[in-house]
Amino acid sequence: MAYSGGDQPRKRSGARSSSMVRTAVVWEVLREVLDQAAKASGRAALDVVDAGGGTGGFAVPLAQLGHRVTVVDASPDALAALERRAAESDVTVNAVQGDADDLLGMVGPACADLILCHSVLEYVEDPALVFAAMARTVRPGGAVSVLVSGQVATALHRAVSGHFDDARRLLTDPAGRWGDRDPVPRRFTRDTLAELAERAGLRVGEVQGVRIFADLVPSALVDGDPEAAQALIALEAAASTHPVLRDLAAQLHLLAHRA
């Protein structure tokens, strides 16, 4: 299936909503990766695969930047949302229904310059299988972008809301869960995330913290105020690699490469 549509690519100038602030650090990394890959390959249009990105939040803006984007998602509802975005834009995104751990079978080996796997590993049955599939789907020299929920930040949030036993339990739970009613099956630390990538044969780059301050700032402070939003983005960027603060991020962003 081929769909078109999506949001305008994010830019560093102009008005920003609080939701755009929360993804700015990731977008900055993706742009740099794509620019470097385009220079190295001599191709302006690169092949991007978004595993589990059915609604097109990242896929559509990447297509609007001129890249060939394929979304693999198990949810027909998510792909329907992607189709609705198609009505709003003239870019094309190829949509394939399937699971992230079967990525290799869905799109083929060594066919992507960049693979995105954002907010997916928390919910799959075996994250190691997904990493293995991505490692074989990405081209040699290509990059894998992984975004996951952070274990430490969730412990802090549970404690601040008065759930002290949950916070203590979460810190020692191998899956990073606070209890049986926890809606998220799994969370990660920098070490557990990097270990999964290395076991798949990927070369791990820096792990960044995402949404360190953004979730704590009321949206009213940045919505409609470009200067405040830009200042918050600069703060997030500065903190994203801080040796202490990045572990407190709501999400961790790993960029890895296939040798």
C-alpha atoms as a PDB file:
ATOM      1  CA  MET A   1       0.000   0.000   0.000  1.00  0.00           C
ATOM      2  CA  ALA A   2       1.268   3.493  -0.754  1.00  0.00           C
ATOM      3  CA  TYR A   3      -0.064   6.442   1.211  1.00  0.00           C
ATOM      4  CA  SER A   4       0.726  10.114   1.084  1.00  0.00           C
ATOM      5  CA  GLY A   5       0.508  12.695   3.773  1.00  0.00           C
ATOM      6  CA  GLY A   6       1.823  13.997   7.043  1.00  0.00           C
ATOM      7  CA  ASP A   7       3.164  16.954   8.937  1.00  0.00           C
ATOM      8  CA  GLN A   8       5.553  19.570   7.690  1.00  0.00           C
ATOM      9  CA  PRO A   9       9.198  18.783   8.513  1.00  0.00           C
ATOM     10  CA  ARG A  10      10.277  20.388  11.778  1.00  0.00           C
ATOM     11  CA  LYS A  11      12.534  23.423  11.457  1.00  0.00           C
ATOM     12  CA  ARG A  12      14.626  25.238  14.008  1.00  0.00           C
ATOM     13  CA  SER A  13      12.926  28.592  13.447  1.00  0.00           C
ATOM     14  CA  GLY A  14       9.358  29.746  13.880  1.00  0.00           C
ATOM     15  CA  ALA A  15       6.656  28.950  16.395  1.00  0.00           C
ATOM     16  CA  ARG A  16       6.858  25.627  18.194  1.00  0.00           C
ATOM     17  CA  SER A  17       4.276  23.759  20.209  1.00  0.00           C
ATOM     18  CA  SER A  18       5.222  21.821  23.329  1.00  0.00           C
ATOM     19  CA  SER A  19       4.889  18.562  21.375  1.00  0.00           C
ATOM     20  CA  MET A  20       7.473  19.747  18.859  1.00  0.00           C
ATOM     21  CA  VAL A  21       9.818  20.662  21.691  1.00  0.00           C
ATOM     22  CA  ARG A  22       9.644  17.109  23.008  1.00  0.00           C
ATOM     23  CA  THR A  23      10.940  15.636  19.747  1.00  0.00           C
ATOM     24  CA  ALA A  24      13.445  18.329  18.770  1.00  0.00           C
ATOM     25  CA  VAL A  25      16.512  16.479  20.092  1.00  0.00           C
ATOM     26  CA  VAL A  26      15.653  13.365  18.076  1.00  0.00           C
ATOM     27  CA  TRP A  27      14.975  15.335  14.906  1.00  0.00           C
ATOM     28  CA  GLU A  28      18.316  17.084  15.193  1.00  0.00           C
ATOM     29  CA  VAL A  29      20.108  13.725  15.274  1.00  0.00           C
ATOM     30  CA  LEU A  30      18.088  12.313  12.381  1.00  0.00           C
ATOM     31  CA  ARG A  31      18.823  15.298  10.163  1.00  0.00           C
ATOM     32  CA  GLU A  32      22.540  15.011  10.822  1.00  0.00           C
ATOM     33  CA  VAL A  33      22.512  11.267  10.105  1.00  0.00           C
ATOM     34  CA  LEU A  34      20.637  11.741   6.847  1.00  0.00           C
ATOM     35  CA  ASP A  35      22.875  14.598   5.744  1.00  0.00           C
ATOM     36  CA  GLN A  36      25.994  12.499   6.357  1.00  0.00           C
ATOM     37  CA  ALA A  37      24.493   9.474   4.594  1.00  0.00           C
ATOM     38  CA  ALA A  38      23.503  11.568   1.586  1.00  0.00           C
ATOM     39  CA  LYS A  39      27.024  12.981   1.276  1.00  0.00           C
ATOM     40  CA  ALA A  40      28.624   9.556   1.648  1.00  0.00           C
ATOM     41  CA  SER A  41      26.340   7.843  -0.868  1.00  0.00           C
ATOM     42  CA  GLY A  42      25.886  10.690  -3.311  1.00  0.00           C
ATOM     43  CA  ARG A  43      22.129  10.108  -3.165  1.00  0.00           C
ATOM     44  CA  ALA A  44      19.798  12.912  -2.110  1.00  0.00           C
ATOM     45  CA  ALA A  45      16.886  10.532  -1.593  1.00  0.00           C
ATOM     46  CA  LEU A  46      17.630   7.843   0.991  1.00  0.00           C
ATOM     47  CA  ASP A  47      15.723   4.704   1.968  1.00  0.00           C
ATOM     48  CA  VAL A  48      14.150   4.951   5.428  1.00  0.00           C
ATOM     49  CA  VAL A  49      12.208   2.227   7.247  1.00  0.00           C
ATOM     50  CA  ASP A  50      10.061   3.121  10.257  1.00  0.00           C
ATOM     51  CA  ALA A  51       9.320   0.007  12.323  1.00  0.00           C
ATOM     52  CA  GLY A  52       6.130   0.528  14.274  1.00  0.00           C
ATOM     53  CA  GLY A  53       5.579   4.081  13.019  1.00  0.00           C
ATOM     54  CA  GLY A  54       2.122   3.541  11.595  1.00  0.00           C
ATOM     55  CA  THR A  55       0.588   6.976  12.140  1.00  0.00           C
ATOM     56  CA  GLY A  56       3.457   8.663  10.336  1.00  0.00           C
ATOM     57  CA  GLY A  57       4.616  11.127  12.976  1.00  0.00           C
ATOM     58  CA  PHE A  58       8.225  10.686  11.884  1.00  0.00           C
ATOM     59  CA  ALA A  59       7.708   8.959   8.546  1.00  0.00           C
ATOM     60  CA  VAL A  60       5.714  11.661   6.818  1.00  0.00           C
ATOM     61  CA  PRO A  61       8.071  14.564   7.632  1.00  0.00           C
ATOM     62  CA  LEU A  62      10.972  12.413   6.427  1.00  0.00           C
ATOM     63  CA  ALA A  63       9.131  11.797   3.176  1.00  0.00           C
ATOM     64  CA  GLN A  64       8.562  15.527   2.869  1.00  0.00           C
ATOM     65  CA  LEU A  65      12.314  15.978   3.082  1.00  0.00           C
ATOM     66  CA  GLY A  66      12.515  13.901  -0.097  1.00  0.00           C
ATOM     67  CA  HIS A  67      13.349  10.452   1.244  1.00  0.00           C
ATOM     68  CA  ARG A  68      11.735   7.123   0.324  1.00  0.00           C
ATOM     69  CA  VAL A  69       9.968   5.964   3.487  1.00  0.00           C
ATOM     70  CA  THR A  70       8.412   2.612   4.363  1.00  0.00           C
ATOM     71  CA  VAL A  71       6.342   2.125   7.508  1.00  0.00           C
ATOM     72  CA  VAL A  72       5.988  -1.388   8.925  1.00  0.00           C
ATOM     73  CA  ASP A  73       3.264  -1.634  11.553  1.00  0.00           C
ATOM     74  CA  ALA A  74       1.089  -4.441  12.882  1.00  0.00           C
ATOM     75  CA  SER A  75      -1.925  -2.217  13.535  1.00  0.00           C
ATOM     76  CA  PRO A  76      -4.404  -1.616  10.724  1.00  0.00           C
ATOM     77  CA  ASP A  77      -5.785   1.312  12.754  1.00  0.00           C
ATOM     78  CA  ALA A  78      -2.333   2.920  12.830  1.00  0.00           C
ATOM     79  CA  LEU A  79      -1.984   2.483   9.082  1.00  0.00           C
ATOM     80  CA  ALA A  80      -5.460   3.959   8.638  1.00  0.00           C
ATOM     81  CA  ALA A  81      -4.232   7.028  10.526  1.00  0.00           C
ATOM     82  CA  LEU A  82      -1.347   7.183   8.092  1.00  0.00           C
ATOM     83  CA  GLU A  83      -3.853   7.060   5.258  1.00  0.00           C
ATOM     84  CA  ARG A  84      -5.722  10.007   6.753  1.00  0.00           C
ATOM     85  CA  ARG A  85      -2.477  11.958   6.777  1.00  0.00           C
ATOM     86  CA  ALA A  86      -2.204  11.117   3.089  1.00  0.00           C
ATOM     87  CA  ALA A  87      -5.197  13.261   2.387  1.00  0.00           C
ATOM     88  CA  GLU A  88      -3.385  16.270   3.805  1.00  0.00           C
ATOM     89  CA  SER A  89      -0.187  16.098   1.735  1.00  0.00           C
ATOM     90  CA  ASP A  90       1.148  14.921  -1.600  1.00  0.00           C
ATOM     91  CA  VAL A  91       4.116  12.892  -0.308  1.00  0.00           C
ATOM     92  CA  THR A  92       4.144   9.121  -0.610  1.00  0.00           C
ATOM     93  CA  VAL A  93       4.833   6.704   2.235  1.00  0.00           C
ATOM     94  CA  ASN A  94       4.842   2.971   1.613  1.00  0.00           C
ATOM     95  CA  ALA A  95       2.850   1.167   4.331  1.00  0.00           C
ATOM     96  CA  VAL A  96       3.338  -2.532   5.118  1.00  0.00           C
ATOM     97  CA  GLN A  97       1.334  -4.400   7.745  1.00  0.00           C
ATOM     98  CA  GLY A  98       3.583  -6.627   9.840  1.00  0.00           C
ATOM     99  CA  ASP A  99       5.490  -7.031  13.089  1.00  0.00           C
ATOM    100  CA  ALA A 100       8.769  -5.324  13.894  1.00  0.00           C
ATOM    101  CA  ASP A 101      10.559  -8.617  14.591  1.00  0.00           C
ATOM    102  CA  ASP A 102       9.705  -9.720  11.029  1.00  0.00           C
ATOM    103  CA  LEU A 103      11.148  -6.560   9.530  1.00  0.00           C
ATOM    104  CA  LEU A 104      13.646  -8.500   7.440  1.00  0.00           C
ATOM    105  CA  GLY A 105      10.886 -10.542   5.820  1.00  0.00           C
ATOM    106  CA  MET A 106       8.712  -7.489   5.247  1.00  0.00           C
ATOM    107  CA  VAL A 107      11.211  -5.250   3.446  1.00  0.00           C
ATOM    108  CA  GLY A 108      14.281  -7.389   2.706  1.00  0.00           C
ATOM    109  CA  PRO A 109      17.957  -7.471   3.727  1.00  0.00           C
ATOM    110  CA  ALA A 110      20.340  -4.511   3.572  1.00  0.00           C
ATOM    111  CA  CYS A 111      17.753  -2.207   2.008  1.00  0.00           C
ATOM    112  CA  ALA A 112      17.608   0.772   4.398  1.00  0.00           C
ATOM    113  CA  ASP A 113      19.964   3.662   4.987  1.00  0.00           C
ATOM    114  CA  LEU A 114      18.129   4.478   8.216  1.00  0.00           C
ATOM    115  CA  ILE A 115      15.767   2.459  10.395  1.00  0.00           C
ATOM    116  CA  LEU A 116      13.547   4.048  13.025  1.00  0.00           C
ATOM    117  CA  CYS A 117      12.174   2.047  15.946  1.00  0.00           C
ATOM    118  CA  HIS A 118      10.507   4.558  18.239  1.00  0.00           C
ATOM    119  CA  SER A 119       8.322   3.611  21.228  1.00  0.00           C
ATOM    120  CA  VAL A 120       8.165   0.000  20.054  1.00  0.00           C
ATOM    121  CA  LEU A 121      10.632  -2.083  22.065  1.00  0.00           C
ATOM    122  CA  GLU A 122       8.663  -1.502  25.256  1.00  0.00           C
ATOM    123  CA  TYR A 123       5.811  -3.596  23.865  1.00  0.00           C
ATOM    124  CA  VAL A 124       7.309  -6.338  21.688  1.00  0.00           C
ATOM    125  CA  GLU A 125       7.687  -9.895  22.962  1.00  0.00           C
ATOM    126  CA  ASP A 126      11.462 -10.040  22.405  1.00  0.00           C
ATOM    127  CA  PRO A 127      13.422  -6.809  21.848  1.00  0.00           C
ATOM    128  CA  ALA A 128      16.536  -8.824  20.909  1.00  0.00           C
ATOM    129  CA  LEU A 129      14.720 -10.261  17.887  1.00  0.00           C
ATOM    130  CA  VAL A 130      13.749  -6.778  16.739  1.00  0.00           C
ATOM    131  CA  PHE A 131      17.338  -5.571  17.050  1.00  0.00           C
ATOM    132  CA  ALA A 132      18.548  -8.600  15.099  1.00  0.00           C
ATOM    133  CA  ALA A 133      16.018  -7.897  12.342  1.00  0.00           C
ATOM    134  CA  MET A 134      17.046  -4.240  12.142  1.00  0.00           C
ATOM    135  CA  ALA A 135      20.738  -5.139  12.045  1.00  0.00           C
ATOM    136  CA  ARG A 136      20.139  -7.265   8.951  1.00  0.00           C
ATOM    137  CA  THR A 137      17.720  -4.853   7.277  1.00  0.00           C
ATOM    138  CA  VAL A 138      19.957  -1.783   7.488  1.00  0.00           C
ATOM    139  CA  ARG A 139      22.702  -1.376   4.898  1.00  0.00           C
ATOM    140  CA  PRO A 140      26.386  -1.540   5.867  1.00  0.00           C
ATOM    141  CA  GLY A 141      27.221   1.917   7.147  1.00  0.00           C
ATOM    142  CA  GLY A 142      23.543   2.632   7.749  1.00  0.00           C
ATOM    143  CA  ALA A 143      22.033   3.807  11.029  1.00  0.00           C
ATOM    144  CA  VAL A 144      19.399   2.572  13.460  1.00  0.00           C
ATOM    145  CA  SER A 145      17.477   5.072  15.615  1.00  0.00           C
ATOM    146  CA  VAL A 146      15.815   3.616  18.725  1.00  0.00           C
ATOM    147  CA  LEU A 147      13.634   5.556  21.165  1.00  0.00           C
ATOM    148  CA  VAL A 148      12.439   3.885  24.388  1.00  0.00           C
ATOM    149  CA  SER A 149      10.958   4.691  27.788  1.00  0.00           C
ATOM    150  CA  GLY A 150      13.495   5.372  30.527  1.00  0.00           C
ATOM    151  CA  GLN A 151      13.359   3.310  33.703  1.00  0.00           C
ATOM    152  CA  VAL A 152      14.897   5.869  36.075  1.00  0.00           C
ATOM    153  CA  ALA A 153      12.589   8.712  35.037  1.00  0.00           C
ATOM    154  CA  THR A 154       9.522   6.566  35.646  1.00  0.00           C
ATOM    155  CA  ALA A 155      10.729   5.782  39.161  1.00  0.00           C
ATOM    156  CA  LEU A 156      11.038   9.508  39.849  1.00  0.00           C
ATOM    157  CA  HIS A 157       7.583  10.213  38.465  1.00  0.00           C
ATOM    158  CA  ARG A 158       6.012   7.483  40.600  1.00  0.00           C
ATOM    159  CA  ALA A 159       7.754   8.814  43.700  1.00  0.00           C
ATOM    160  CA  VAL A 160       6.725  12.424  43.030  1.00  0.00           C
ATOM    161  CA  SER A 161       3.108  11.302  42.702  1.00  0.00           C
ATOM    162  CA  GLY A 162       3.325   9.570  46.081  1.00  0.00           C
ATOM    163  CA  HIS A 163       3.714   5.963  44.896  1.00  0.00           C
ATOM    164  CA  PHE A 164       6.893   5.256  46.832  1.00  0.00           C
ATOM    165  CA  ASP A 165       6.598   1.453  46.854  1.00  0.00           C
ATOM    166  CA  ASP A 166       6.072   1.493  43.090  1.00  0.00           C
ATOM    167  CA  ALA A 167       9.202   3.595  42.614  1.00  0.00           C
ATOM    168  CA  ARG A 168      11.300   1.264  44.756  1.00  0.00           C
ATOM    169  CA  ARG A 169       9.949  -1.800  42.980  1.00  0.00           C
ATOM    170  CA  LEU A 170      10.608  -0.273  39.571  1.00  0.00           C
ATOM    171  CA  LEU A 171      14.270   0.395  40.318  1.00  0.00           C
ATOM    172  CA  THR A 172      14.951  -3.279  41.038  1.00  0.00           C
ATOM    173  CA  ASP A 173      12.621  -4.906  38.522  1.00  0.00           C
ATOM    174  CA  PRO A 174      14.541  -6.405  35.549  1.00  0.00           C
ATOM    175  CA  ALA A 175      11.850  -5.208  33.151  1.00  0.00           C
ATOM    176  CA  GLY A 176      11.612  -1.748  34.730  1.00  0.00           C
ATOM    177  CA  ARG A 177       7.970  -2.138  35.797  1.00  0.00           C
ATOM    178  CA  TRP A 178       6.339  -0.809  38.954  1.00  0.00           C
ATOM    179  CA  GLY A 179       3.676  -3.495  39.314  1.00  0.00           C
ATOM    180  CA  ASP A 180       1.105  -5.758  37.693  1.00  0.00           C
ATOM    181  CA  ARG A 181      -1.050  -2.797  36.696  1.00  0.00           C
ATOM    182  CA  ASP A 182       1.795  -1.027  34.938  1.00  0.00           C
ATOM    183  CA  PRO A 183       0.588  -0.453  31.339  1.00  0.00           C
ATOM    184  CA  VAL A 184       4.151  -0.539  29.955  1.00  0.00           C
ATOM    185  CA  PRO A 185       5.591  -4.074  29.742  1.00  0.00           C
ATOM    186  CA  ARG A 186       9.221  -2.988  29.699  1.00  0.00           C
ATOM    187  CA  ARG A 187      11.514   0.014  30.220  1.00  0.00           C
ATOM    188  CA  PHE A 188      15.221   0.512  29.640  1.00  0.00           C
ATOM    189  CA  THR A 189      18.386   2.022  31.009  1.00  0.00           C
ATOM    190  CA  ARG A 190      21.300   3.219  28.880  1.00  0.00           C
ATOM    191  CA  ASP A 191      23.176   0.004  29.641  1.00  0.00           C
ATOM    192  CA  THR A 192      20.359  -2.412  28.825  1.00  0.00           C
ATOM    193  CA  LEU A 193      19.586  -0.582  25.585  1.00  0.00           C
ATOM    194  CA  ALA A 194      23.209  -0.448  24.446  1.00  0.00           C
ATOM    195  CA  GLU A 195      23.715  -4.111  25.295  1.00  0.00           C
ATOM    196  CA  LEU A 196      20.838  -5.130  23.018  1.00  0.00           C
ATOM    197  CA  ALA A 197      22.324  -3.175  20.120  1.00  0.00           C
ATOM    198  CA  GLU A 198      25.800  -4.603  20.648  1.00  0.00           C
ATOM    199  CA  ARG A 199      24.491  -8.167  20.817  1.00  0.00           C
ATOM    200  CA  ALA A 200      22.871  -7.600  17.422  1.00  0.00           C
ATOM    201  CA  GLY A 201      26.253  -6.615  15.990  1.00  0.00           C
ATOM    202  CA  LEU A 202      25.595  -2.894  15.793  1.00  0.00           C
ATOM    203  CA  ARG A 203      28.147  -0.225  16.684  1.00  0.00           C
ATOM    204  CA  VAL A 204      26.626   1.884  19.435  1.00  0.00           C
ATOM    205  CA  GLY A 205      26.964   5.641  19.394  1.00  0.00           C
ATOM    206  CA  GLU A 206      25.932   7.991  22.161  1.00  0.00           C
ATOM    207  CA  VAL A 207      22.698   7.408  24.044  1.00  0.00           C
ATOM    208  CA  GLN A 208      20.809  10.666  24.560  1.00  0.00           C
ATOM    209  CA  GLY A 209      18.187  11.664  27.066  1.00  0.00           C
ATOM    210  CA  VAL A 210      14.966  12.971  25.528  1.00  0.00           C
ATOM    211  CA  ARG A 211      12.298  14.968  27.392  1.00  0.00           C
ATOM    212  CA  ILE A 212      14.379  15.683  30.468  1.00  0.00           C
ATOM    213  CA  PHE A 213      12.654  18.991  31.214  1.00  0.00           C
ATOM    214  CA  ALA A 214       9.959  19.205  28.545  1.00  0.00           C
ATOM    215  CA  ASP A 215       7.459  17.020  30.416  1.00  0.00           C
ATOM    216  CA  LEU A 216       7.897  19.114  33.566  1.00  0.00           C
ATOM    217  CA  VAL A 217       7.227  22.469  31.884  1.00  0.00           C
ATOM    218  CA  PRO A 218       3.565  23.515  31.489  1.00  0.00           C
ATOM    219  CA  SER A 219       2.708  23.690  27.805  1.00  0.00           C
ATOM    220  CA  ALA A 220       1.293  27.190  28.313  1.00  0.00           C
ATOM    221  CA  LEU A 221       4.846  28.455  28.857  1.00  0.00           C
ATOM    222  CA  VAL A 222       6.015  27.460  25.376  1.00  0.00           C
ATOM    223  CA  ASP A 223       2.922  27.234  23.171  1.00  0.00           C
ATOM    224  CA  GLY A 224       2.735  30.420  21.132  1.00  0.00           C
ATOM    225  CA  ASP A 225       6.053  31.707  22.472  1.00  0.00           C
ATOM    226  CA  PRO A 226       8.809  30.891  19.981  1.00  0.00           C
ATOM    227  CA  GLU A 227      11.567  32.357  22.147  1.00  0.00           C
ATOM    228  CA  ALA A 228      10.597  30.286  25.186  1.00  0.00           C
ATOM    229  CA  ALA A 229      10.274  27.174  23.044  1.00  0.00           C
ATOM    230  CA  GLN A 230      13.685  27.754  21.482  1.00  0.00           C
ATOM    231  CA  ALA A 231      15.246  28.252  24.912  1.00  0.00           C
ATOM    232  CA  LEU A 232      13.708  25.009  26.156  1.00  0.00           C
ATOM    233  CA  ILE A 233      14.980  23.172  23.070  1.00  0.00           C
ATOM    234  CA  ALA A 234      18.480  24.506  23.711  1.00  0.00           C
ATOM    235  CA  LEU A 235      18.236  23.325  27.328  1.00  0.00           C
ATOM    236  CA  GLU A 236      17.075  19.857  26.246  1.00  0.00           C
ATOM    237  CA  ALA A 237      19.933  19.622  23.746  1.00  0.00           C
ATOM    238  CA  ALA A 238      22.502  20.630  26.363  1.00  0.00           C
ATOM    239  CA  ALA A 239      21.137  18.151  28.901  1.00  0.00           C
ATOM    240  CA  SER A 240      20.662  15.274  26.449  1.00  0.00           C
ATOM    241  CA  THR A 241      24.250  14.052  26.845  1.00  0.00           C
ATOM    242  CA  HIS A 242      24.856  15.236  30.396  1.00  0.00           C
ATOM    243  CA  PRO A 243      26.296  12.272  32.343  1.00  0.00           C
ATOM    244  CA  VAL A 244      23.706  12.618  35.111  1.00  0.00           C
ATOM    245  CA  LEU A 245      20.693  14.363  33.594  1.00  0.00           C
ATOM    246  CA  ARG A 246      20.297  12.089  30.572  1.00  0.00           C
ATOM    247  CA  ASP A 247      19.454   9.146  32.849  1.00  0.00           C
ATOM    248  CA  LEU A 248      16.536  11.174  34.199  1.00  0.00           C
ATOM    249  CA  ALA A 249      14.953  11.535  30.751  1.00  0.00           C
ATOM    250  CA  ALA A 250      11.481  10.234  30.034  1.00  0.00           C
ATOM    251  CA  GLN A 251      12.926   8.598  26.910  1.00  0.00           C
ATOM    252  CA  LEU A 252      16.336   7.353  25.827  1.00  0.00           C
ATOM    253  CA  HIS A 253      17.486   7.730  22.228  1.00  0.00           C
ATOM    254  CA  LEU A 254      20.132   5.392  20.875  1.00  0.00           C
ATOM    255  CA  LEU A 255      21.795   5.752  17.507  1.00  0.00           C
ATOM    256  CA  ALA A 256      23.736   2.725  16.262  1.00  0.00           C
ATOM    257  CA  HIS A 257      25.406   1.836  12.966  1.00  0.00           C
ATOM    258  CA  ARG A 258      25.987  -1.323  11.020  1.00  0.00           C
ATOM    259  CA  ALA A 259      29.707  -1.731  10.406  1.00  0.00           C
END
